[in-house]
Amino acid sequence: MAERRPFLLRMDPEVYAALQRWAADDLRSLNAQIEFVLRRALREAGRLRGNDPVAPGEVSAGSGGAPGAAGPPGSAASAVPPAPDSLEGEGGG
């Protein structure tokens, strides 16, 4: 396992509580959730080397993510047109 560097992190109580809830939802420890969020932000900003390993529980880029998960707002992944069946009977002619 890779070496970990311990350090003290001070944060707003509201941010702490939100991270704690998110970690619980994802079945991660708070520490793992913070590292997950930081790694994802660093990767998206181009500040993390591309060959860095994916953290446990993190979905690697291009793997599709969670089933049914949409991409960022405005992305092609979030602009899914309705199924043709749902358009029938809506007053169209």
Protein backbone atom coordinates (compact mmCIF):
# COMPACT_ATOMS: atom_id res chain seq x y z
CA MET A 1 0.00 0.00 0.00
CA ALA A 2 1.18 3.53 -0.77
CA GLU A 3 2.54 5.68 2.02
CA ARG A 4 0.01 8.07 3.57
CA ARG A 5 0.93 11.45 5.04
CA PRO A 6 -1.14 12.44 8.07
CA PHE A 7 -2.07 16.09 8.52
CA LEU A 8 -4.59 18.22 10.34
CA LEU A 9 -7.42 19.65 8.25
CA ARG A 10 -9.69 22.37 9.58
CA MET A 11 -12.99 22.92 7.77
CA ASP A 12 -16.36 24.55 8.16
CA PRO A 13 -18.75 22.36 10.20
CA GLU A 14 -21.34 22.44 7.40
CA VAL A 15 -18.79 21.16 4.87
CA TYR A 16 -17.68 18.49 7.35
CA ALA A 17 -21.27 17.32 7.87
CA ALA A 18 -21.98 17.23 4.13
CA LEU A 19 -18.81 15.20 3.47
CA GLN A 20 -19.69 12.83 6.31
CA ARG A 21 -23.17 12.21 4.84
CA TRP A 22 -21.72 11.72 1.35
CA ALA A 23 -19.13 9.28 2.71
CA ALA A 24 -21.83 7.30 4.50
CA ASP A 25 -23.95 7.19 1.33
CA ASP A 26 -20.97 5.84 -0.63
CA LEU A 27 -19.94 3.44 2.17
CA ARG A 28 -16.56 5.14 2.59
CA SER A 29 -14.73 6.54 5.57
CA LEU A 30 -14.63 10.32 5.82
CA ASN A 31 -10.90 10.22 5.07
CA ALA A 32 -11.43 8.10 1.94
CA GLN A 33 -14.22 10.41 0.78
CA ILE A 34 -12.05 13.52 1.17
CA GLU A 35 -9.26 11.83 -0.81
CA PHE A 36 -11.77 10.73 -3.47
CA VAL A 37 -13.11 14.27 -3.90
CA LEU A 38 -9.62 15.80 -3.97
CA ARG A 39 -8.33 13.25 -6.50
CA ARG A 40 -11.29 13.82 -8.79
CA ALA A 41 -10.90 17.61 -8.60
CA LEU A 42 -7.16 17.36 -9.27
CA ARG A 43 -7.69 15.04 -12.24
CA GLU A 44 -10.40 17.27 -13.74
CA ALA A 45 -8.11 20.31 -13.34
CA GLY A 46 -5.26 18.47 -15.04
CA ARG A 47 -3.12 18.70 -11.93
CA LEU A 48 -2.76 14.96 -11.30
CA ARG A 49 -0.56 12.77 -13.46
CA GLY A 50 -2.61 10.60 -15.79
CA ASN A 51 -0.88 7.41 -14.66
CA ASP A 52 -1.82 7.84 -11.00
CA PRO A 53 -3.88 4.87 -9.80
CA VAL A 54 -7.60 5.24 -9.34
CA ALA A 55 -8.53 5.41 -5.67
CA PRO A 56 -10.59 2.52 -4.26
CA GLY A 57 -14.26 3.07 -5.10
CA GLU A 58 -13.46 5.73 -7.70
CA VAL A 59 -14.62 5.21 -11.25
CA SER A 60 -11.85 5.72 -13.77
CA ALA A 61 -12.40 8.06 -16.69
CA GLY A 62 -14.03 6.30 -19.61
CA SER A 63 -15.42 3.41 -17.59
CA GLY A 64 -18.95 4.73 -17.84
CA GLY A 65 -19.54 5.52 -14.18
CA ALA A 66 -22.57 4.34 -12.28
CA PRO A 67 -25.46 2.89 -14.27
CA GLY A 68 -27.81 5.68 -15.28
CA ALA A 69 -25.42 8.39 -14.13
CA ALA A 70 -25.45 11.51 -16.25
CA GLY A 71 -22.46 13.63 -17.07
CA PRO A 72 -22.00 17.25 -16.06
CA PRO A 73 -24.86 19.64 -16.85
CA GLY A 74 -24.84 20.53 -20.53
CA SER A 75 -22.78 17.50 -21.53
CA ALA A 76 -23.91 15.06 -24.18
CA ALA A 77 -24.40 12.41 -21.48
CA SER A 78 -26.98 14.53 -19.68
CA ALA A 79 -28.90 15.43 -22.87
CA VAL A 80 -30.71 12.13 -23.37
CA PRO A 81 -33.77 12.51 -25.59
CA PRO A 82 -37.03 10.94 -24.42
CA ALA A 83 -37.92 7.49 -25.66
CA PRO A 84 -40.17 7.49 -28.77
CA ASP A 85 -42.95 5.73 -26.81
CA SER A 86 -43.20 8.66 -24.40
CA LEU A 87 -43.99 11.10 -27.25
CA GLU A 88 -47.14 9.31 -28.40
CA GLY A 89 -50.45 10.76 -27.35
CA GLU A 90 -49.09 14.18 -26.35
CA GLY A 91 -51.39 16.17 -28.61
CA GLY A 92 -49.09 15.91 -31.60
CA GLY A 93 -50.56 15.22 -34.93
